[in-house]
Amino acid sequence: MKFFLNPGTRAYLRELASEFDESTNSVRVELNRLSKANIISAENVGRTIEYHANAEHSLFNELQALVRKYAGVDKLVETLIKKLGDVKTAYLVGDYARGIDSGLIDIILIGKINKIELDRIAERRGRDISRKIRPMVVTIKELRSLWEQLNMDQALLIWGKPVEKA
């Protein structure tokens, strides 16, 4: 999930072992399997090896769609966009944008949005997928002023056109 929710995510062995509370040996075995299948790529960076999704793999899009479906993000976005009004841009931020299934889904929305309906949908869809959905509606100006706090350089665009950092 880590590599396919946000294909820009890069990680090294010890970081992954710590994050998933697993032994480095068990994580290494899985990384080797995924690397051998060419599903992820390994790159030497100094004295460490960084791993990341192989976006050139023929099954990359299918794997990413499967991971998004498993995480419940696909249905959530579809529901939000259809029922909320004029959604211009939507970003996934926080843990899910980094590929971590912590149970919290943080979404940033830009546009003219029915906030009462948004809260209702977020609560209902959150129950459906057993996760807490925390939506935030902002203007482009507000997003730019909160850019660093929201770690927008790691955000995952899930709808609309990207917003450029000011």
C-alpha atoms as a PDB file:
ATOM      1  CA  MET A   1       0.000   0.000   0.000  1.00  0.00           C
ATOM      2  CA  LYS A   2       2.777   2.393   0.919  1.00  0.00           C
ATOM      3  CA  PHE A   3       4.251   2.488  -2.561  1.00  0.00           C
ATOM      4  CA  PHE A   4       1.032   2.363  -4.580  1.00  0.00           C
ATOM      5  CA  LEU A   5      -1.181   4.879  -2.778  1.00  0.00           C
ATOM      6  CA  ASN A   6       1.434   7.496  -3.587  1.00  0.00           C
ATOM      7  CA  PRO A   7       3.935   6.321  -6.216  1.00  0.00           C
ATOM      8  CA  GLY A   8       6.334   9.134  -5.304  1.00  0.00           C
ATOM      9  CA  THR A   9       6.950   7.518  -1.910  1.00  0.00           C
ATOM     10  CA  ARG A  10      10.458   6.222  -1.321  1.00  0.00           C
ATOM     11  CA  ALA A  11      11.629   4.228   1.679  1.00  0.00           C
ATOM     12  CA  TYR A  12      14.559   2.172   2.867  1.00  0.00           C
ATOM     13  CA  LEU A  13      14.672  -1.168   4.667  1.00  0.00           C
ATOM     14  CA  ARG A  14      15.071  -0.051   8.290  1.00  0.00           C
ATOM     15  CA  GLU A  15      12.448   2.667   7.884  1.00  0.00           C
ATOM     16  CA  LEU A  16       9.938   0.120   6.575  1.00  0.00           C
ATOM     17  CA  ALA A  17      10.772  -2.410   9.278  1.00  0.00           C
ATOM     18  CA  SER A  18      10.248   0.226  11.967  1.00  0.00           C
ATOM     19  CA  GLU A  19       7.047   1.580  10.414  1.00  0.00           C
ATOM     20  CA  PHE A  20       5.457  -1.865  10.113  1.00  0.00           C
ATOM     21  CA  ASP A  21       6.929  -3.163  13.368  1.00  0.00           C
ATOM     22  CA  GLU A  22       8.519  -6.118  11.575  1.00  0.00           C
ATOM     23  CA  SER A  23      12.025  -7.552  11.560  1.00  0.00           C
ATOM     24  CA  THR A  24      14.366  -6.213   8.921  1.00  0.00           C
ATOM     25  CA  ASN A  25      14.820  -9.762   7.669  1.00  0.00           C
ATOM     26  CA  SER A  26      11.103 -10.332   6.971  1.00  0.00           C
ATOM     27  CA  VAL A  27      10.812  -6.928   5.277  1.00  0.00           C
ATOM     28  CA  ARG A  28      13.952  -7.640   3.219  1.00  0.00           C
ATOM     29  CA  VAL A  29      12.456 -10.941   2.001  1.00  0.00           C
ATOM     30  CA  GLU A  30       9.292  -9.184   0.805  1.00  0.00           C
ATOM     31  CA  LEU A  31      11.236  -6.305  -0.769  1.00  0.00           C
ATOM     32  CA  ASN A  32      13.406  -8.825  -2.615  1.00  0.00           C
ATOM     33  CA  ARG A  33      10.325 -10.654  -3.916  1.00  0.00           C
ATOM     34  CA  LEU A  34       8.711  -7.429  -5.125  1.00  0.00           C
ATOM     35  CA  SER A  35      11.995  -6.242  -6.655  1.00  0.00           C
ATOM     36  CA  LYS A  36      12.561  -9.570  -8.415  1.00  0.00           C
ATOM     37  CA  ALA A  37       9.052  -9.303  -9.898  1.00  0.00           C
ATOM     38  CA  ASN A  38       9.986  -5.736 -10.962  1.00  0.00           C
ATOM     39  CA  ILE A  39       6.908  -4.376  -9.130  1.00  0.00           C
ATOM     40  CA  ILE A  40       9.106  -2.087  -7.062  1.00  0.00           C
ATOM     41  CA  SER A  41      12.502  -0.636  -7.908  1.00  0.00           C
ATOM     42  CA  ALA A  42      15.578  -0.413  -5.725  1.00  0.00           C
ATOM     43  CA  GLU A  43      18.058   2.431  -6.024  1.00  0.00           C
ATOM     44  CA  ASN A  44      21.387   2.959  -4.254  1.00  0.00           C
ATOM     45  CA  VAL A  45      21.425   6.302  -2.446  1.00  0.00           C
ATOM     46  CA  GLY A  46      24.681   6.714  -0.597  1.00  0.00           C
ATOM     47  CA  ARG A  47      25.088   3.722   1.693  1.00  0.00           C
ATOM     48  CA  THR A  48      21.395   2.763   1.674  1.00  0.00           C
ATOM     49  CA  ILE A  49      18.994   1.285  -0.827  1.00  0.00           C
ATOM     50  CA  GLU A  50      15.747   3.163  -1.441  1.00  0.00           C
ATOM     51  CA  TYR A  51      12.682   1.338  -2.692  1.00  0.00           C
ATOM     52  CA  HIS A  52       9.795   2.808  -4.692  1.00  0.00           C
ATOM     53  CA  ALA A  53       6.960   1.700  -6.950  1.00  0.00           C
ATOM     54  CA  ASN A  54       7.963   0.866 -10.509  1.00  0.00           C
ATOM     55  CA  ALA A  55       5.551   3.055 -12.462  1.00  0.00           C
ATOM     56  CA  GLU A  56       6.864   1.483 -15.700  1.00  0.00           C
ATOM     57  CA  HIS A  57       5.621  -2.010 -14.751  1.00  0.00           C
ATOM     58  CA  SER A  58       2.842  -3.238 -17.030  1.00  0.00           C
ATOM     59  CA  LEU A  59       0.573  -3.889 -14.027  1.00  0.00           C
ATOM     60  CA  PHE A  60       1.316  -0.634 -12.196  1.00  0.00           C
ATOM     61  CA  ASN A  61      -2.057   1.023 -12.946  1.00  0.00           C
ATOM     62  CA  GLU A  62      -3.999  -2.095 -11.990  1.00  0.00           C
ATOM     63  CA  LEU A  63      -2.046  -2.504  -8.746  1.00  0.00           C
ATOM     64  CA  GLN A  64      -2.573   1.153  -7.866  1.00  0.00           C
ATOM     65  CA  ALA A  65      -6.308   0.881  -8.577  1.00  0.00           C
ATOM     66  CA  LEU A  66      -6.508  -2.268  -6.441  1.00  0.00           C
ATOM     67  CA  VAL A  67      -4.731  -0.576  -3.524  1.00  0.00           C
ATOM     68  CA  ARG A  68      -6.968   2.497  -3.772  1.00  0.00           C
ATOM     69  CA  LYS A  69     -10.030   0.276  -3.870  1.00  0.00           C
ATOM     70  CA  TYR A  70      -8.821  -1.671  -0.830  1.00  0.00           C
ATOM     71  CA  ALA A  71      -8.207   1.578   1.051  1.00  0.00           C
ATOM     72  CA  GLY A  72     -11.685   2.817   0.112  1.00  0.00           C
ATOM     73  CA  VAL A  73     -10.328   5.959  -1.503  1.00  0.00           C
ATOM     74  CA  ASP A  74     -11.865   5.319  -4.930  1.00  0.00           C
ATOM     75  CA  LYS A  75     -15.471   5.173  -3.674  1.00  0.00           C
ATOM     76  CA  LEU A  76     -14.894   8.035  -1.272  1.00  0.00           C
ATOM     77  CA  VAL A  77     -13.686  10.360  -4.020  1.00  0.00           C
ATOM     78  CA  GLU A  78     -16.453   9.303  -6.379  1.00  0.00           C
ATOM     79  CA  THR A  79     -19.116   9.954  -3.723  1.00  0.00           C
ATOM     80  CA  LEU A  80     -17.620  13.275  -2.681  1.00  0.00           C
ATOM     81  CA  ILE A  81     -17.313  14.621  -6.204  1.00  0.00           C
ATOM     82  CA  LYS A  82     -20.837  13.611  -7.242  1.00  0.00           C
ATOM     83  CA  LYS A  83     -22.666  15.001  -4.214  1.00  0.00           C
ATOM     84  CA  LEU A  84     -20.790  18.022  -2.919  1.00  0.00           C
ATOM     85  CA  GLY A  85     -21.224  20.699  -5.523  1.00  0.00           C
ATOM     86  CA  ASP A  86     -18.355  22.219  -7.444  1.00  0.00           C
ATOM     87  CA  VAL A  87     -15.180  20.422  -6.334  1.00  0.00           C
ATOM     88  CA  LYS A  88     -12.229  21.939  -8.205  1.00  0.00           C
ATOM     89  CA  THR A  89      -9.383  20.041  -6.550  1.00  0.00           C
ATOM     90  CA  ALA A  90      -9.026  17.257  -3.983  1.00  0.00           C
ATOM     91  CA  TYR A  91      -5.859  16.057  -2.274  1.00  0.00           C
ATOM     92  CA  LEU A  92      -5.148  13.139  -0.010  1.00  0.00           C
ATOM     93  CA  VAL A  93      -2.732  14.250   2.735  1.00  0.00           C
ATOM     94  CA  GLY A  94      -1.291  12.793   5.919  1.00  0.00           C
ATOM     95  CA  ASP A  95      -0.755   9.089   6.504  1.00  0.00           C
ATOM     96  CA  TYR A  96      -2.630   7.798   3.459  1.00  0.00           C
ATOM     97  CA  ALA A  97      -0.703  10.108   1.130  1.00  0.00           C
ATOM     98  CA  ARG A  98       2.464   8.533   2.544  1.00  0.00           C
ATOM     99  CA  GLY A  99       1.041   5.039   2.026  1.00  0.00           C
ATOM    100  CA  ILE A 100       0.345   4.314   5.692  1.00  0.00           C
ATOM    101  CA  ASP A 101      -3.024   2.797   6.590  1.00  0.00           C
ATOM    102  CA  SER A 102      -3.419   4.382  10.034  1.00  0.00           C
ATOM    103  CA  GLY A 103      -7.208   4.451   9.895  1.00  0.00           C
ATOM    104  CA  LEU A 104      -7.278   8.238   9.338  1.00  0.00           C
ATOM    105  CA  ILE A 105      -7.991   9.607   5.876  1.00  0.00           C
ATOM    106  CA  ASP A 106      -7.254  13.328   5.577  1.00  0.00           C
ATOM    107  CA  ILE A 107      -8.660  15.039   2.497  1.00  0.00           C
ATOM    108  CA  ILE A 108      -8.222  18.645   1.372  1.00  0.00           C
ATOM    109  CA  LEU A 109     -10.989  19.979  -0.893  1.00  0.00           C
ATOM    110  CA  ILE A 110     -11.095  23.203  -2.888  1.00  0.00           C
ATOM    111  CA  GLY A 111     -14.305  24.541  -4.427  1.00  0.00           C
ATOM    112  CA  LYS A 112     -17.853  25.532  -3.600  1.00  0.00           C
ATOM    113  CA  ILE A 113     -18.781  22.651  -1.344  1.00  0.00           C
ATOM    114  CA  ASN A 114     -21.872  21.812   0.674  1.00  0.00           C
ATOM    115  CA  LYS A 115     -20.186  21.358   4.071  1.00  0.00           C
ATOM    116  CA  ILE A 116     -23.222  19.779   5.752  1.00  0.00           C
ATOM    117  CA  GLU A 117     -23.386  17.122   3.032  1.00  0.00           C
ATOM    118  CA  LEU A 118     -19.602  16.717   3.217  1.00  0.00           C
ATOM    119  CA  ASP A 119     -19.717  15.914   6.931  1.00  0.00           C
ATOM    120  CA  ARG A 120     -22.604  13.489   6.409  1.00  0.00           C
ATOM    121  CA  ILE A 121     -20.829  11.654   3.566  1.00  0.00           C
ATOM    122  CA  ALA A 122     -17.504  11.556   5.426  1.00  0.00           C
ATOM    123  CA  GLU A 123     -19.108  10.006   8.479  1.00  0.00           C
ATOM    124  CA  ARG A 124     -21.150   7.453   6.532  1.00  0.00           C
ATOM    125  CA  ARG A 125     -18.327   6.421   4.163  1.00  0.00           C
ATOM    126  CA  GLY A 126     -15.913   6.299   7.106  1.00  0.00           C
ATOM    127  CA  ARG A 127     -18.154   3.780   8.847  1.00  0.00           C
ATOM    128  CA  ASP A 128     -18.442   1.763   5.619  1.00  0.00           C
ATOM    129  CA  ILE A 129     -14.672   1.421   5.253  1.00  0.00           C
ATOM    130  CA  SER A 130     -13.846   1.335   8.999  1.00  0.00           C
ATOM    131  CA  ARG A 131     -11.767   4.493   8.890  1.00  0.00           C
ATOM    132  CA  LYS A 132     -12.095   8.065  10.121  1.00  0.00           C
ATOM    133  CA  ILE A 133     -12.352  10.549   7.272  1.00  0.00           C
ATOM    134  CA  ARG A 134     -11.274  14.102   8.082  1.00  0.00           C
ATOM    135  CA  PRO A 135     -12.162  16.494   5.262  1.00  0.00           C
ATOM    136  CA  MET A 136     -10.927  20.081   5.171  1.00  0.00           C
ATOM    137  CA  VAL A 137     -12.354  22.699   2.810  1.00  0.00           C
ATOM    138  CA  VAL A 138      -9.999  25.539   1.923  1.00  0.00           C
ATOM    139  CA  THR A 139      -9.474  28.209  -0.696  1.00  0.00           C
ATOM    140  CA  ILE A 140      -6.385  28.162  -2.897  1.00  0.00           C
ATOM    141  CA  LYS A 141      -4.994  31.077  -0.889  1.00  0.00           C
ATOM    142  CA  GLU A 142      -5.550  29.201   2.401  1.00  0.00           C
ATOM    143  CA  LEU A 143      -3.962  26.059   0.973  1.00  0.00           C
ATOM    144  CA  ARG A 144      -0.862  27.975  -0.039  1.00  0.00           C
ATOM    145  CA  SER A 145      -0.550  29.535   3.415  1.00  0.00           C
ATOM    146  CA  LEU A 146      -0.894  26.086   5.046  1.00  0.00           C
ATOM    147  CA  TRP A 147       1.391  24.387   2.496  1.00  0.00           C
ATOM    148  CA  GLU A 148       4.196  23.434   4.877  1.00  0.00           C
ATOM    149  CA  GLN A 149       1.910  22.488   7.804  1.00  0.00           C
ATOM    150  CA  LEU A 150      -0.102  20.143   5.577  1.00  0.00           C
ATOM    151  CA  ASN A 151       3.084  18.763   3.985  1.00  0.00           C
ATOM    152  CA  MET A 152       1.613  19.410   0.544  1.00  0.00           C
ATOM    153  CA  ASP A 153       4.830  18.373  -1.206  1.00  0.00           C
ATOM    154  CA  GLN A 154       3.871  14.807  -0.172  1.00  0.00           C
ATOM    155  CA  ALA A 155       0.139  15.219  -0.950  1.00  0.00           C
ATOM    156  CA  LEU A 156      -1.564  13.008  -3.496  1.00  0.00           C
ATOM    157  CA  LEU A 157      -3.791  14.737  -6.064  1.00  0.00           C
ATOM    158  CA  ILE A 158      -6.960  12.659  -6.356  1.00  0.00           C
ATOM    159  CA  TRP A 159      -9.202  15.032  -8.299  1.00  0.00           C
ATOM    160  CA  GLY A 160      -8.904  18.092 -10.505  1.00  0.00           C
ATOM    161  CA  LYS A 161      -5.952  20.260 -11.327  1.00  0.00           C
ATOM    162  CA  PRO A 162      -2.934  20.615  -9.047  1.00  0.00           C
ATOM    163  CA  VAL A 163      -2.415  23.797  -7.071  1.00  0.00           C
ATOM    164  CA  GLU A 164       1.036  25.335  -7.378  1.00  0.00           C
ATOM    165  CA  LYS A 165       2.938  26.333  -4.279  1.00  0.00           C
ATOM    166  CA  ALA A 166       2.992  30.119  -3.941  1.00  0.00           C
END
